[in-house]
Amino acid sequence: MIKGVMRDLRCGRSRAKELLAGYAPTTFHLEEMVELWGDDFLRAIFVEAWERQDERIRVIQQREEEMRQRAEEAEAIAAAYKRGDKFSFTLPLHVQAIQALELELATRQPPTLGQRLGRWLRRFGLEA
């Protein structure tokens, strides 16, 4: 076993014993192992790192697909605009709610000092 490790990884007897005992390989020996056993060996060793990388790739692909869909929608809208089609956009519900609240607040403002003074003067039959 030790001689096989020494031969395959081109290392000395003590280093072969260390590797078999579970010590971490050097970069050189890791490269030799990958060359011998391929990418599956590398994936087995760095499975957690690969999973995180796979997750990042999946998120990037998902965002790319969303951007592609938005671009297609924008192109369709631009083409309709160029043709002169009439169309309208429906505002999201939260925007509609904010606009309704703004309108309500604008119409329900408390009377200003001038308005209150005018009411008070009219009570006594005077004009402001």
C-alpha atoms as a PDB file:
ATOM      1  CA  MET A   1       0.000   0.000   0.000  1.00  0.00           C
ATOM      2  CA  ILE A   2       2.712   2.460   0.988  1.00  0.00           C
ATOM      3  CA  LYS A   3       4.781   1.608  -2.089  1.00  0.00           C
ATOM      4  CA  GLY A   4       1.746   2.199  -4.332  1.00  0.00           C
ATOM      5  CA  VAL A   5       1.173   5.650  -2.801  1.00  0.00           C
ATOM      6  CA  MET A   6       4.894   6.426  -3.124  1.00  0.00           C
ATOM      7  CA  ARG A   7       4.858   5.435  -6.785  1.00  0.00           C
ATOM      8  CA  ASP A   8       1.519   7.093  -7.737  1.00  0.00           C
ATOM      9  CA  LEU A   9       2.114  10.385  -5.928  1.00  0.00           C
ATOM     10  CA  ARG A  10       5.898  10.482  -6.365  1.00  0.00           C
ATOM     11  CA  CYS A  11       6.628  10.980  -2.677  1.00  0.00           C
ATOM     12  CA  GLY A  12       8.843   9.478   0.009  1.00  0.00           C
ATOM     13  CA  ARG A  13       7.974   6.763   2.489  1.00  0.00           C
ATOM     14  CA  SER A  14       7.302   9.145   5.408  1.00  0.00           C
ATOM     15  CA  ARG A  15       5.015  11.364   3.286  1.00  0.00           C
ATOM     16  CA  ALA A  16       3.142   8.298   2.022  1.00  0.00           C
ATOM     17  CA  LYS A  17       2.593   7.186   5.642  1.00  0.00           C
ATOM     18  CA  GLU A  18       1.346  10.689   6.552  1.00  0.00           C
ATOM     19  CA  LEU A  19      -1.105  10.708   3.656  1.00  0.00           C
ATOM     20  CA  LEU A  20      -2.416   7.272   4.585  1.00  0.00           C
ATOM     21  CA  ALA A  21      -2.770   8.435   8.216  1.00  0.00           C
ATOM     22  CA  GLY A  22      -5.031  11.280   7.072  1.00  0.00           C
ATOM     23  CA  TYR A  23      -2.694  14.258   6.903  1.00  0.00           C
ATOM     24  CA  ALA A  24      -3.582  16.876   4.304  1.00  0.00           C
ATOM     25  CA  PRO A  25      -1.787  16.590   0.973  1.00  0.00           C
ATOM     26  CA  THR A  26       0.260  19.400  -0.468  1.00  0.00           C
ATOM     27  CA  THR A  27      -0.938  21.180  -3.575  1.00  0.00           C
ATOM     28  CA  PHE A  28       1.470  19.133  -5.653  1.00  0.00           C
ATOM     29  CA  HIS A  29       0.138  15.843  -4.282  1.00  0.00           C
ATOM     30  CA  LEU A  30      -3.471  17.008  -4.636  1.00  0.00           C
ATOM     31  CA  GLU A  31      -2.807  17.790  -8.303  1.00  0.00           C
ATOM     32  CA  GLU A  32      -1.300  14.330  -8.718  1.00  0.00           C
ATOM     33  CA  MET A  33      -4.393  12.758  -7.132  1.00  0.00           C
ATOM     34  CA  VAL A  34      -6.737  14.677  -9.418  1.00  0.00           C
ATOM     35  CA  GLU A  35      -4.651  13.653 -12.407  1.00  0.00           C
ATOM     36  CA  LEU A  36      -4.873  10.014 -11.315  1.00  0.00           C
ATOM     37  CA  TRP A  37      -8.508   9.826 -10.249  1.00  0.00           C
ATOM     38  CA  GLY A  38     -10.167  12.709 -12.110  1.00  0.00           C
ATOM     39  CA  ASP A  39     -12.770  15.332 -11.295  1.00  0.00           C
ATOM     40  CA  ASP A  40     -14.949  12.879  -9.382  1.00  0.00           C
ATOM     41  CA  PHE A  41     -12.172  12.626  -6.789  1.00  0.00           C
ATOM     42  CA  LEU A  42     -11.968  16.400  -6.564  1.00  0.00           C
ATOM     43  CA  ARG A  43     -15.750  16.684  -6.179  1.00  0.00           C
ATOM     44  CA  ALA A  44     -15.731  14.045  -3.412  1.00  0.00           C
ATOM     45  CA  ILE A  45     -13.088  15.975  -1.478  1.00  0.00           C
ATOM     46  CA  PHE A  46     -14.623  19.415  -1.929  1.00  0.00           C
ATOM     47  CA  VAL A  47     -18.299  18.381  -1.924  1.00  0.00           C
ATOM     48  CA  GLU A  48     -19.393  21.295   0.288  1.00  0.00           C
ATOM     49  CA  ALA A  49     -17.593  23.858  -1.830  1.00  0.00           C
ATOM     50  CA  TRP A  50     -19.080  22.327  -4.994  1.00  0.00           C
ATOM     51  CA  GLU A  51     -22.579  22.436  -3.495  1.00  0.00           C
ATOM     52  CA  ARG A  52     -22.188  26.127  -2.645  1.00  0.00           C
ATOM     53  CA  GLN A  53     -20.867  26.773  -6.141  1.00  0.00           C
ATOM     54  CA  ASP A  54     -23.758  24.809  -7.675  1.00  0.00           C
ATOM     55  CA  GLU A  55     -26.223  26.891  -5.618  1.00  0.00           C
ATOM     56  CA  ARG A  56     -24.602  30.139  -6.805  1.00  0.00           C
ATOM     57  CA  ILE A  57     -24.740  28.951 -10.404  1.00  0.00           C
ATOM     58  CA  ARG A  58     -28.433  28.045  -9.995  1.00  0.00           C
ATOM     59  CA  VAL A  59     -29.221  31.510  -8.576  1.00  0.00           C
ATOM     60  CA  ILE A  60     -27.319  33.209 -11.395  1.00  0.00           C
ATOM     61  CA  GLN A  61     -29.142  31.126 -14.008  1.00  0.00           C
ATOM     62  CA  GLN A  62     -32.485  31.949 -12.402  1.00  0.00           C
ATOM     63  CA  ARG A  63     -31.707  35.679 -12.434  1.00  0.00           C
ATOM     64  CA  GLU A  64     -30.532  35.434 -16.019  1.00  0.00           C
ATOM     65  CA  GLU A  65     -33.828  33.805 -17.023  1.00  0.00           C
ATOM     66  CA  GLU A  66     -35.811  36.519 -15.204  1.00  0.00           C
ATOM     67  CA  MET A  67     -33.821  39.221 -17.005  1.00  0.00           C
ATOM     68  CA  ARG A  68     -34.385  37.482 -20.338  1.00  0.00           C
ATOM     69  CA  GLN A  69     -38.157  37.394 -19.711  1.00  0.00           C
ATOM     70  CA  ARG A  70     -38.190  41.076 -18.749  1.00  0.00           C
ATOM     71  CA  ALA A  71     -36.232  41.950 -21.886  1.00  0.00           C
ATOM     72  CA  GLU A  72     -38.729  40.042 -24.031  1.00  0.00           C
ATOM     73  CA  GLU A  73     -41.625  41.869 -22.345  1.00  0.00           C
ATOM     74  CA  ALA A  74     -39.913  45.212 -22.882  1.00  0.00           C
ATOM     75  CA  GLU A  75     -39.300  44.408 -26.558  1.00  0.00           C
ATOM     76  CA  ALA A  76     -42.965  43.468 -27.000  1.00  0.00           C
ATOM     77  CA  ILE A  77     -44.067  46.745 -25.405  1.00  0.00           C
ATOM     78  CA  ALA A  78     -41.638  48.736 -27.557  1.00  0.00           C
ATOM     79  CA  ALA A  79     -42.916  46.995 -30.703  1.00  0.00           C
ATOM     80  CA  ALA A  80     -46.526  47.724 -29.726  1.00  0.00           C
ATOM     81  CA  TYR A  81     -45.641  51.366 -29.099  1.00  0.00           C
ATOM     82  CA  LYS A  82     -43.970  51.638 -32.515  1.00  0.00           C
ATOM     83  CA  ARG A  83     -47.066  50.150 -34.164  1.00  0.00           C
ATOM     84  CA  GLY A  84     -49.179  52.747 -32.383  1.00  0.00           C
ATOM     85  CA  ASP A  85     -51.126  50.241 -30.322  1.00  0.00           C
ATOM     86  CA  LYS A  86     -52.972  51.684 -27.386  1.00  0.00           C
ATOM     87  CA  PHE A  87     -52.275  49.970 -24.140  1.00  0.00           C
ATOM     88  CA  SER A  88     -52.197  50.800 -20.482  1.00  0.00           C
ATOM     89  CA  PHE A  89     -50.266  49.471 -17.555  1.00  0.00           C
ATOM     90  CA  THR A  90     -51.965  48.299 -14.411  1.00  0.00           C
ATOM     91  CA  LEU A  91     -50.176  49.667 -11.398  1.00  0.00           C
ATOM     92  CA  PRO A  92     -49.233  47.215  -8.669  1.00  0.00           C
ATOM     93  CA  LEU A  93     -51.698  47.062  -5.789  1.00  0.00           C
ATOM     94  CA  HIS A  94     -49.346  48.681  -3.298  1.00  0.00           C
ATOM     95  CA  VAL A  95     -48.874  51.677  -5.637  1.00  0.00           C
ATOM     96  CA  GLN A  96     -52.644  51.985  -6.099  1.00  0.00           C
ATOM     97  CA  ALA A  97     -53.095  51.921  -2.299  1.00  0.00           C
ATOM     98  CA  ILE A  98     -50.473  54.641  -1.816  1.00  0.00           C
ATOM     99  CA  GLN A  99     -52.109  56.842  -4.461  1.00  0.00           C
ATOM    100  CA  ALA A 100     -55.544  56.397  -2.847  1.00  0.00           C
ATOM    101  CA  LEU A 101     -54.081  57.288   0.548  1.00  0.00           C
ATOM    102  CA  GLU A 102     -52.368  60.380  -0.874  1.00  0.00           C
ATOM    103  CA  LEU A 103     -55.658  61.527  -2.411  1.00  0.00           C
ATOM    104  CA  GLU A 104     -57.510  60.913   0.837  1.00  0.00           C
ATOM    105  CA  LEU A 105     -54.919  62.818   2.836  1.00  0.00           C
ATOM    106  CA  ALA A 106     -54.974  65.701   0.367  1.00  0.00           C
ATOM    107  CA  THR A 107     -58.764  66.076   0.677  1.00  0.00           C
ATOM    108  CA  ARG A 108     -58.900  65.622   4.465  1.00  0.00           C
ATOM    109  CA  GLN A 109     -56.334  68.183   5.524  1.00  0.00           C
ATOM    110  CA  PRO A 110     -57.218  70.180   8.653  1.00  0.00           C
ATOM    111  CA  PRO A 111     -58.270  73.766   7.979  1.00  0.00           C
ATOM    112  CA  THR A 112     -55.514  76.319   7.807  1.00  0.00           C
ATOM    113  CA  LEU A 113     -55.314  79.282  10.182  1.00  0.00           C
ATOM    114  CA  GLY A 114     -56.824  81.552   7.507  1.00  0.00           C
ATOM    115  CA  GLN A 115     -59.739  79.178   6.953  1.00  0.00           C
ATOM    116  CA  ARG A 116     -60.426  78.965  10.696  1.00  0.00           C
ATOM    117  CA  LEU A 117     -60.263  82.747  11.029  1.00  0.00           C
ATOM    118  CA  GLY A 118     -62.669  83.131   8.116  1.00  0.00           C
ATOM    119  CA  ARG A 119     -65.181  80.744   9.750  1.00  0.00           C
ATOM    120  CA  TRP A 120     -64.902  82.558  13.063  1.00  0.00           C
ATOM    121  CA  LEU A 121     -65.504  85.933  11.425  1.00  0.00           C
ATOM    122  CA  ARG A 122     -68.516  84.597   9.460  1.00  0.00           C
ATOM    123  CA  ARG A 123     -70.095  83.462  12.740  1.00  0.00           C
ATOM    124  CA  PHE A 124     -70.225  87.098  13.752  1.00  0.00           C
ATOM    125  CA  GLY A 125     -71.415  88.222  10.337  1.00  0.00           C
ATOM    126  CA  LEU A 126     -68.074  89.691   9.314  1.00  0.00           C
ATOM    127  CA  GLU A 127     -66.111  89.100   6.123  1.00  0.00           C
ATOM    128  CA  ALA A 128     -62.463  88.236   6.139  1.00  0.00           C
END
